[in-house]
Amino acid sequence: MATEMGGRRNKYLIALIFSIFFAISLLTNILGPIVPDIIDTYKLSLTAAALLPFAFFIAYGVMSVPAGIIVEVYKEKRVITGAFLAAFVGALSFAVLPIYPVVMASLFVIGAGMATLQVAINPLLRVAGGEEHFAFNSAFAQVVFGLASFLSPRLYSYLVRNLGKDSGPPSFALQWLARLVPADRPWVSLYWIFVLITLLMILLISASKFPDVQRTAEEQVGTWEAHRKLLHNPIALLYFISIFAYVGSEQGTANWMSKFLAEYHHYDPHTTGANAVSWFWGLLTGGCLAGMLLLKIFDSRKVLVAASTAALSVLTVALFGPGRLSVIAFPLVGLFASVMWPISISLALNSVSECHGSFAGILCTGIVGGAITPVIIGRLGDFVGLRLGMTFLYVTFGWVLGVGFWAKPLVANETIGSTRTKENSPRQHERT
């Protein structure tokens, strides 16, 4: 009976963790679709608009390493509850007082909460689902994450289009939201939805029983000495820049594509622009599944070179092609970018022989690329136009392309061909 109840409890906890991934993605990847509305509402320059995703993603850089220390001291349940409480306060502040300074501060608080959640839930998923199922559960969690990224722009589009109707919202939920949000800012309704989601997550987590998590060497934060040692390692710094460049590429594309399509091709950001962002995240998720197959056939460095080259090609079409092609090419950037994160992370961790937990924290700090790259694009856009500003993505995607040429991991990914060779000649893959 105890075993059976434990099994049920673990299944419940796995489902709860998947719902946490869903919530993280929903709150994280909504900034791209609402950028045009933010610019119009507050009459912002492109640089000022870019400071909003900056406020959100800089929190990742600030919190990634400290969050690991906090989790080790206070354990998962308290930290996850606290992270959602921070997100609740941030979303409520945004919803109640949607003025530019408050929005900036609230996005930082939400980002800090999301960064802490990312650190806390992966080891919890390993324990809840069992180590033998961790790879599958991790992959499925990314699918859930991608699904939320795909749906959040569509939720935004639905709310903005229906709350803006002169005839009045047709449902009770929309009538309730219409009373809460300013008539000229229907996009703020999203953050009332986030208030409800974060409150629900706090209640669910508070009522749930969490197992004791013993962190592996790869999951432990490590000592300050280990961090210092890695920061003096040129290879570690190169991979930090690589993660910085990838996340900057991803967020720079997602955050500015809707504004670009509106400015240069006159597409409605509430419909066509939001759908483009939605498909960007959808294809990025679907591409991960195709990438898993490719990595069983080809060396990861070759896959990275091919994907980066393809991403740069479709980016060129998106920026300089006609509108009918641009609206297709932008989402395709997500398809080819899909393999860049897992390959870059695996190449990085396979390129050092020790301190993997500390190195993982340093790599996650590279997520600040998602804060800084959109600001660079916005700043350039204010001077030379958004199209030329977005050509900065050639630099960030170009760096990721370069990784495929200079990476020399201690352990290469195992492909079907290498497996057969290993079976036929066991000594061939021994390191000297």
Protein backbone atom coordinates (compact mmCIF):
# COMPACT_ATOMS: atom_id res chain seq x y z
CA MET A 1 0.00 0.00 0.00
CA ALA A 2 2.81 2.43 0.89
CA THR A 3 4.59 1.73 -2.36
CA GLU A 4 1.41 2.27 -4.32
CA MET A 5 0.70 5.56 -2.57
CA GLY A 6 4.29 6.66 -3.13
CA GLY A 7 3.95 5.90 -6.83
CA ARG A 8 0.79 7.96 -7.03
CA ARG A 9 2.42 10.79 -5.10
CA ASN A 10 5.40 10.80 -7.47
CA LYS A 11 3.13 10.91 -10.51
CA TYR A 12 1.31 13.84 -8.96
CA LEU A 13 4.61 15.57 -8.24
CA ILE A 14 5.83 15.00 -11.81
CA ALA A 15 2.61 16.55 -13.11
CA LEU A 16 3.10 19.48 -10.72
CA ILE A 17 6.66 19.98 -11.96
CA PHE A 18 5.44 19.95 -15.57
CA SER A 19 2.86 22.60 -14.63
CA ILE A 20 5.71 24.67 -13.14
CA PHE A 21 7.58 24.44 -16.46
CA PHE A 22 4.38 25.55 -18.21
CA ALA A 23 3.98 28.54 -15.89
CA ILE A 24 7.63 29.57 -16.26
CA SER A 25 7.36 29.57 -20.05
CA LEU A 26 4.02 31.40 -20.05
CA LEU A 27 5.46 34.25 -17.99
CA THR A 28 8.88 34.29 -19.68
CA ASN A 29 8.11 34.34 -23.39
CA ILE A 30 5.23 36.81 -23.56
CA LEU A 31 7.42 39.92 -23.88
CA GLY A 32 7.94 39.62 -27.65
CA PRO A 33 4.27 39.94 -28.64
CA ILE A 34 3.55 42.86 -26.30
CA VAL A 35 6.56 45.00 -27.32
CA PRO A 36 4.59 46.91 -30.04
CA ASP A 37 1.82 47.69 -27.52
CA ILE A 38 4.34 48.78 -24.90
CA ILE A 39 5.98 51.14 -27.40
CA ASP A 40 2.62 52.62 -28.42
CA THR A 41 1.26 52.89 -24.88
CA TYR A 42 4.27 54.60 -23.31
CA LYS A 43 5.52 56.35 -26.48
CA LEU A 44 8.92 54.73 -26.04
CA SER A 45 12.02 54.68 -28.14
CA LEU A 46 13.23 51.24 -29.22
CA THR A 47 15.98 51.42 -26.59
CA ALA A 48 13.53 52.20 -23.78
CA ALA A 49 11.26 49.36 -24.91
CA ALA A 50 14.22 46.96 -24.91
CA LEU A 51 14.91 47.82 -21.26
CA LEU A 52 11.82 45.81 -20.30
CA PRO A 53 13.15 42.41 -21.48
CA PHE A 54 16.51 43.63 -20.11
CA ALA A 55 14.96 44.00 -16.64
CA PHE A 56 13.51 40.50 -16.89
CA PHE A 57 16.55 38.62 -18.19
CA ILE A 58 19.17 40.47 -16.15
CA ALA A 59 17.48 38.83 -13.17
CA TYR A 60 18.55 35.47 -14.59
CA GLY A 61 22.15 36.59 -14.58
CA VAL A 62 21.88 37.95 -11.05
CA MET A 63 20.05 34.94 -9.59
CA SER A 64 21.38 31.82 -11.38
CA VAL A 65 24.31 31.10 -9.04
CA PRO A 66 22.79 32.50 -5.79
CA ALA A 67 19.61 30.50 -6.43
CA GLY A 68 21.59 27.26 -6.29
CA ILE A 69 22.99 28.24 -2.88
CA ILE A 70 19.53 29.26 -1.62
CA VAL A 71 18.03 25.91 -2.71
CA GLU A 72 20.76 23.96 -0.91
CA VAL A 73 20.08 25.89 2.31
CA TYR A 74 16.27 26.19 2.31
CA LYS A 75 15.30 23.15 0.17
CA GLU A 76 13.04 22.94 -2.84
CA LYS A 77 9.53 23.45 -1.45
CA ARG A 78 10.28 26.70 0.36
CA VAL A 79 12.31 28.09 -2.52
CA ILE A 80 9.73 27.19 -5.19
CA THR A 81 6.95 28.69 -3.07
CA GLY A 82 9.03 31.83 -2.53
CA ALA A 83 9.82 32.09 -6.25
CA PHE A 84 6.14 31.95 -7.18
CA LEU A 85 5.37 34.44 -4.42
CA ALA A 86 7.89 36.82 -6.01
CA ALA A 87 6.29 36.26 -9.42
CA PHE A 88 2.84 36.86 -7.87
CA VAL A 89 3.95 40.19 -6.35
CA GLY A 90 5.59 41.21 -9.63
CA ALA A 91 2.55 40.30 -11.76
CA LEU A 92 0.15 42.00 -9.33
CA SER A 93 2.23 45.18 -9.29
CA PHE A 94 2.29 45.17 -13.11
CA ALA A 95 -1.46 44.62 -13.31
CA VAL A 96 -2.51 47.14 -10.66
CA LEU A 97 -0.17 49.98 -11.62
CA PRO A 98 0.91 49.51 -15.27
CA ILE A 99 3.21 52.52 -15.53
CA TYR A 100 6.67 52.24 -17.05
CA PRO A 101 8.84 52.36 -13.85
CA VAL A 102 6.60 49.85 -12.05
CA VAL A 103 6.56 47.56 -15.09
CA MET A 104 10.38 47.61 -15.14
CA ALA A 105 10.65 46.71 -11.45
CA SER A 106 7.95 44.04 -11.64
CA LEU A 107 9.58 42.33 -14.61
CA PHE A 108 12.84 42.11 -12.67
CA VAL A 109 11.05 40.53 -9.71
CA ILE A 110 9.22 38.06 -11.98
CA GLY A 111 12.51 37.22 -13.74
CA ALA A 112 14.24 36.57 -10.41
CA GLY A 113 11.44 34.20 -9.47
CA MET A 114 11.61 32.35 -12.78
CA ALA A 115 15.41 32.02 -12.59
CA THR A 116 15.15 30.51 -9.13
CA LEU A 117 12.50 28.05 -10.30
CA GLN A 118 14.71 26.88 -13.18
CA VAL A 119 17.49 26.03 -10.73
CA ALA A 120 15.20 24.27 -8.24
CA ILE A 121 12.99 22.04 -10.35
CA ASN A 122 15.40 19.97 -12.47
CA PRO A 123 16.92 18.00 -9.55
CA LEU A 124 13.40 17.65 -8.13
CA LEU A 125 12.22 16.15 -11.42
CA ARG A 126 15.09 13.64 -11.31
CA VAL A 127 14.10 12.48 -7.83
CA ALA A 128 10.32 12.51 -8.40
CA GLY A 129 10.44 10.55 -11.64
CA GLY A 130 13.48 8.39 -10.95
CA GLU A 131 16.92 8.68 -12.49
CA GLU A 132 16.13 6.01 -15.08
CA HIS A 133 13.32 8.21 -16.46
CA PHE A 134 15.07 11.57 -16.04
CA ALA A 135 16.17 11.97 -19.67
CA PHE A 136 12.64 11.29 -20.95
CA ASN A 137 10.98 13.49 -18.33
CA SER A 138 13.44 16.32 -19.04
CA ALA A 139 12.72 16.12 -22.77
CA PHE A 140 8.97 16.06 -22.11
CA ALA A 141 9.31 19.04 -19.77
CA GLN A 142 10.88 20.98 -22.64
CA VAL A 143 7.91 20.05 -24.83
CA VAL A 144 5.58 21.40 -22.12
CA PHE A 145 7.74 24.52 -21.89
CA GLY A 146 7.52 24.98 -25.66
CA LEU A 147 3.75 24.42 -25.68
CA ALA A 148 3.28 27.29 -23.23
CA SER A 149 5.55 29.50 -25.36
CA PHE A 150 3.40 28.63 -28.37
CA LEU A 151 0.13 29.37 -26.55
CA SER A 152 1.05 32.58 -24.70
CA PRO A 153 1.07 34.85 -27.80
CA ARG A 154 -2.28 33.35 -28.83
CA LEU A 155 -3.71 34.11 -25.39
CA TYR A 156 -2.43 37.67 -25.75
CA SER A 157 -4.04 37.95 -29.22
CA TYR A 158 -7.37 36.62 -27.96
CA LEU A 159 -7.50 38.96 -24.98
CA VAL A 160 -6.48 42.10 -26.85
CA ARG A 161 -8.87 41.52 -29.76
CA ASN A 162 -11.87 40.70 -27.57
CA LEU A 163 -11.31 43.26 -24.82
CA GLY A 164 -11.02 45.95 -27.48
CA LYS A 165 -14.49 45.28 -28.94
CA ASP A 166 -16.94 48.18 -28.69
CA SER A 167 -19.83 45.75 -28.33
CA GLY A 168 -18.48 44.55 -25.00
CA PRO A 169 -16.83 41.31 -23.92
CA PRO A 170 -19.10 38.27 -24.38
CA SER A 171 -18.01 36.15 -21.40
CA PHE A 172 -17.91 36.62 -17.63
CA ALA A 173 -14.12 36.26 -17.55
CA LEU A 174 -13.65 38.92 -20.21
CA GLN A 175 -16.19 41.20 -18.51
CA TRP A 176 -14.23 40.82 -15.27
CA LEU A 177 -10.93 41.58 -17.00
CA ALA A 178 -12.44 44.56 -18.83
CA ARG A 179 -13.31 46.15 -15.47
CA LEU A 180 -9.77 45.64 -14.18
CA VAL A 181 -7.65 46.93 -17.06
CA PRO A 182 -7.46 50.42 -18.59
CA ALA A 183 -9.46 50.64 -21.83
CA ASP A 184 -6.38 51.79 -23.75
CA ARG A 185 -4.17 48.98 -22.36
CA PRO A 186 -6.01 45.67 -22.90
CA TRP A 187 -2.66 43.84 -23.03
CA VAL A 188 -2.32 44.41 -19.27
CA SER A 189 -5.04 41.75 -18.85
CA LEU A 190 -2.34 39.13 -19.42
CA TYR A 191 -0.77 40.01 -16.10
CA TRP A 192 -4.08 39.54 -14.28
CA ILE A 193 -4.07 36.03 -15.76
CA PHE A 194 -0.51 35.61 -14.46
CA VAL A 195 -1.65 36.77 -11.01
CA LEU A 196 -4.20 33.95 -10.94
CA ILE A 197 -1.72 31.37 -12.26
CA THR A 198 0.98 32.22 -9.73
CA LEU A 199 -1.56 32.25 -6.88
CA LEU A 200 -2.83 28.83 -7.95
CA MET A 201 0.74 27.48 -8.08
CA ILE A 202 1.47 28.81 -4.58
CA LEU A 203 -1.60 27.01 -3.22
CA LEU A 204 -0.79 23.75 -5.02
CA ILE A 205 2.84 23.73 -3.92
CA SER A 206 1.94 24.60 -0.31
CA ALA A 207 -0.44 21.62 -0.21
CA SER A 208 2.07 19.19 -1.77
CA LYS A 209 4.62 16.95 -0.10
CA PHE A 210 8.13 17.14 -1.54
CA PRO A 211 10.79 14.43 -1.32
CA ASP A 212 14.26 15.03 0.06
CA VAL A 213 16.57 15.85 -2.86
CA GLN A 214 20.19 14.75 -2.73
CA ARG A 215 21.95 16.73 -5.44
CA THR A 216 24.44 15.06 -7.74
CA ALA A 217 27.92 16.52 -8.32
CA GLU A 218 26.66 18.07 -11.57
CA GLU A 219 23.75 19.75 -9.75
CA GLN A 220 25.69 21.15 -6.80
CA VAL A 221 26.68 24.81 -6.95
CA GLY A 222 30.26 24.18 -5.87
CA THR A 223 32.70 26.35 -3.94
CA TRP A 224 33.77 29.88 -4.76
CA GLU A 225 37.20 28.43 -5.44
CA ALA A 226 35.70 26.21 -8.14
CA HIS A 227 34.03 29.24 -9.72
CA ARG A 228 37.27 31.23 -9.58
CA LYS A 229 39.15 28.38 -11.23
CA LEU A 230 36.60 28.14 -14.05
CA LEU A 231 36.56 31.91 -14.62
CA HIS A 232 40.30 31.71 -15.29
CA ASN A 233 39.76 28.90 -17.82
CA PRO A 234 39.66 30.33 -21.39
CA ILE A 235 37.51 27.44 -22.64
CA ALA A 236 34.94 28.05 -19.90
CA LEU A 237 34.80 31.76 -20.80
CA LEU A 238 34.35 30.96 -24.49
CA TYR A 239 31.39 28.74 -23.70
CA PHE A 240 29.92 31.38 -21.41
CA ILE A 241 30.04 33.79 -24.37
CA SER A 242 28.44 31.08 -26.52
CA ILE A 243 25.45 30.75 -24.18
CA PHE A 244 25.27 34.55 -23.99
CA ALA A 245 25.22 34.71 -27.79
CA TYR A 246 22.61 31.98 -28.22
CA VAL A 247 20.12 33.39 -25.70
CA GLY A 248 20.71 36.85 -27.16
CA SER A 249 19.93 35.49 -30.62
CA GLU A 250 16.77 33.77 -29.41
CA GLN A 251 15.39 36.72 -27.46
CA GLY A 252 16.59 39.32 -29.95
CA THR A 253 14.59 37.57 -32.67
CA ALA A 254 11.49 36.80 -30.58
CA ASN A 255 11.28 40.25 -28.95
CA TRP A 256 11.61 42.32 -32.11
CA MET A 257 9.96 40.28 -34.88
CA SER A 258 6.41 41.51 -34.22
CA LYS A 259 7.53 45.15 -34.17
CA PHE A 260 9.57 44.55 -37.33
CA LEU A 261 6.62 43.00 -39.18
CA ALA A 262 4.39 45.90 -38.13
CA GLU A 263 6.88 48.62 -39.05
CA TYR A 264 8.16 47.30 -42.37
CA HIS A 265 5.27 45.18 -43.66
CA HIS A 266 2.29 46.69 -41.79
CA TYR A 267 1.14 43.43 -40.26
CA ASP A 268 -1.17 43.70 -37.24
CA PRO A 269 0.89 42.85 -34.11
CA HIS A 270 -2.28 41.60 -32.38
CA THR A 271 -2.84 38.90 -35.00
CA THR A 272 -0.11 38.26 -37.58
CA GLY A 273 2.72 39.46 -35.34
CA ALA A 274 1.51 37.40 -32.37
CA ASN A 275 1.07 34.32 -34.59
CA ALA A 276 4.62 34.73 -35.91
CA VAL A 277 6.01 34.78 -32.38
CA SER A 278 3.82 31.82 -31.47
CA TRP A 279 5.14 29.77 -34.39
CA PHE A 280 8.70 30.83 -33.59
CA TRP A 281 8.39 29.14 -30.18
CA GLY A 282 6.36 26.25 -31.59
CA LEU A 283 8.96 25.45 -34.25
CA LEU A 284 11.76 25.88 -31.72
CA THR A 285 10.11 23.17 -29.63
CA GLY A 286 9.39 20.88 -32.59
CA GLY A 287 12.92 21.35 -33.85
CA CYS A 288 14.27 19.92 -30.59
CA LEU A 289 12.61 16.60 -31.42
CA ALA A 290 14.11 16.55 -34.91
CA GLY A 291 17.45 17.58 -33.44
CA MET A 292 17.43 14.57 -31.11
CA LEU A 293 17.25 12.32 -34.18
CA LEU A 294 20.01 14.21 -36.00
CA LEU A 295 22.30 13.93 -32.98
CA LYS A 296 21.98 10.15 -33.17
CA ILE A 297 23.29 10.26 -36.75
CA PHE A 298 25.77 13.16 -36.92
CA ASP A 299 28.46 14.72 -34.75
CA SER A 300 26.89 17.53 -32.70
CA ARG A 301 29.39 20.07 -34.06
CA LYS A 302 28.31 19.37 -37.63
CA VAL A 303 24.65 19.68 -36.63
CA LEU A 304 25.43 23.02 -34.95
CA VAL A 305 27.22 24.36 -38.04
CA ALA A 306 24.37 23.30 -40.34
CA ALA A 307 21.67 24.71 -38.04
CA SER A 308 23.51 28.01 -37.55
CA THR A 309 24.06 28.41 -41.28
CA ALA A 310 20.38 27.73 -41.95
CA ALA A 311 19.32 30.17 -39.21
CA LEU A 312 21.48 32.92 -40.71
CA SER A 313 20.03 32.21 -44.15
CA VAL A 314 16.37 32.46 -43.10
CA LEU A 315 17.20 35.49 -40.93
CA THR A 316 18.45 37.21 -44.10
CA VAL A 317 15.15 36.43 -45.83
CA ALA A 318 13.22 37.66 -42.79
CA LEU A 319 15.06 40.99 -42.68
CA PHE A 320 15.41 41.76 -46.36
CA GLY A 321 12.73 39.70 -48.12
CA PRO A 322 9.15 40.73 -48.96
CA GLY A 323 6.49 40.63 -46.27
CA ARG A 324 4.94 37.33 -47.37
CA LEU A 325 8.33 35.63 -46.94
CA SER A 326 9.41 37.57 -43.86
CA VAL A 327 6.40 36.40 -41.86
CA ILE A 328 7.38 32.79 -42.63
CA ALA A 329 11.13 33.19 -42.28
CA PHE A 330 11.08 34.64 -38.76
CA PRO A 331 9.43 31.54 -37.24
CA LEU A 332 11.85 29.35 -39.22
CA VAL A 333 14.71 30.99 -37.33
CA GLY A 334 13.26 29.27 -34.27
CA LEU A 335 13.26 25.90 -36.04
CA PHE A 336 16.98 26.08 -36.79
CA ALA A 337 17.86 27.66 -33.44
CA SER A 338 16.21 24.78 -31.60
CA VAL A 339 19.33 22.60 -31.37
CA MET A 340 21.72 25.40 -30.42
CA TRP A 341 21.04 25.45 -26.67
CA PRO A 342 21.31 21.70 -25.95
CA ILE A 343 24.35 21.30 -28.20
CA SER A 344 26.14 24.32 -26.73
CA ILE A 345 25.44 23.17 -23.17
CA SER A 346 26.56 19.59 -23.84
CA LEU A 347 29.72 20.69 -25.67
CA ALA A 348 30.55 23.02 -22.80
CA LEU A 349 30.08 20.46 -20.03
CA ASN A 350 31.93 17.83 -22.06
CA SER A 351 34.88 20.19 -22.48
CA VAL A 352 35.83 20.38 -18.81
CA SER A 353 36.79 17.43 -16.63
CA GLU A 354 35.60 18.72 -13.23
CA CYS A 355 33.43 21.26 -11.39
CA HIS A 356 30.42 20.59 -13.62
CA GLY A 357 27.94 21.95 -11.08
CA SER A 358 29.79 25.26 -10.80
CA PHE A 359 30.25 25.41 -14.57
CA ALA A 360 26.52 24.84 -15.14
CA GLY A 361 25.79 27.84 -12.89
CA ILE A 362 28.23 30.01 -14.83
CA LEU A 363 26.70 28.90 -18.13
CA CYS A 364 23.18 29.71 -16.88
CA THR A 365 24.43 33.19 -15.99
CA GLY A 366 25.01 33.58 -19.73
CA ILE A 367 21.24 33.91 -20.03
CA VAL A 368 21.89 37.64 -19.49
CA GLY A 369 22.47 37.63 -23.24
CA GLY A 370 18.68 37.70 -23.46
CA ALA A 371 18.78 40.99 -21.54
CA ILE A 372 21.58 42.75 -23.37
CA THR A 373 21.13 41.78 -27.03
CA PRO A 374 17.57 43.22 -27.36
CA VAL A 375 18.86 46.49 -25.86
CA ILE A 376 21.73 46.62 -28.38
CA ILE A 377 19.24 46.00 -31.21
CA GLY A 378 16.90 48.68 -29.86
CA ARG A 379 19.72 51.20 -29.45
CA LEU A 380 20.96 50.56 -32.98
CA GLY A 381 17.37 50.70 -34.23
CA ASP A 382 16.89 54.18 -32.80
CA PHE A 383 19.85 55.43 -34.88
CA VAL A 384 19.76 53.41 -38.09
CA GLY A 385 16.32 51.75 -38.10
CA LEU A 386 15.13 48.44 -36.70
CA ARG A 387 16.06 46.45 -39.82
CA LEU A 388 19.72 47.38 -39.59
CA GLY A 389 19.57 47.13 -35.80
CA MET A 390 18.48 43.51 -36.10
CA THR A 391 21.50 42.75 -38.27
CA PHE A 392 23.33 42.55 -34.93
CA LEU A 393 21.87 39.05 -34.83
CA TYR A 394 24.45 38.11 -37.47
CA VAL A 395 27.09 38.66 -34.77
CA THR A 396 25.38 36.50 -32.14
CA PHE A 397 24.30 33.70 -34.49
CA GLY A 398 27.72 33.93 -36.12
CA TRP A 399 29.41 33.26 -32.79
CA VAL A 400 27.26 30.16 -32.28
CA LEU A 401 28.23 29.03 -35.78
CA GLY A 402 31.88 29.41 -34.82
CA VAL A 403 31.47 27.05 -31.86
CA GLY A 404 30.94 24.21 -34.30
CA PHE A 405 34.43 24.81 -35.70
CA TRP A 406 36.54 25.44 -32.57
CA ALA A 407 34.84 23.13 -30.05
CA LYS A 408 37.02 20.17 -28.99
CA PRO A 409 35.03 18.26 -26.36
CA LEU A 410 36.70 15.60 -24.25
CA VAL A 411 33.75 13.34 -25.05
CA ALA A 412 31.88 13.52 -28.37
CA ASN A 413 28.19 12.69 -28.68
CA GLU A 414 27.56 9.04 -29.41
CA THR A 415 26.07 8.42 -32.86
CA ILE A 416 24.79 5.23 -34.48
CA GLY A 417 28.04 4.89 -36.40
CA SER A 418 30.22 5.47 -33.34
CA THR A 419 28.17 2.92 -31.37
CA ARG A 420 28.84 0.26 -33.99
CA THR A 421 32.53 1.14 -34.09
CA LYS A 422 32.69 0.96 -30.32
CA GLU A 423 31.04 -2.47 -30.37
CA ASN A 424 33.48 -3.76 -33.02
CA SER A 425 36.61 -2.17 -31.57
CA PRO A 426 36.28 -1.42 -27.85
CA ARG A 427 39.72 0.13 -27.47
CA GLN A 428 39.36 2.65 -30.26
CA HIS A 429 37.48 5.21 -28.11
CA GLU A 430 39.70 5.05 -25.04
CA ARG A 431 41.17 8.46 -24.19
CA THR A 432 44.96 8.67 -23.94
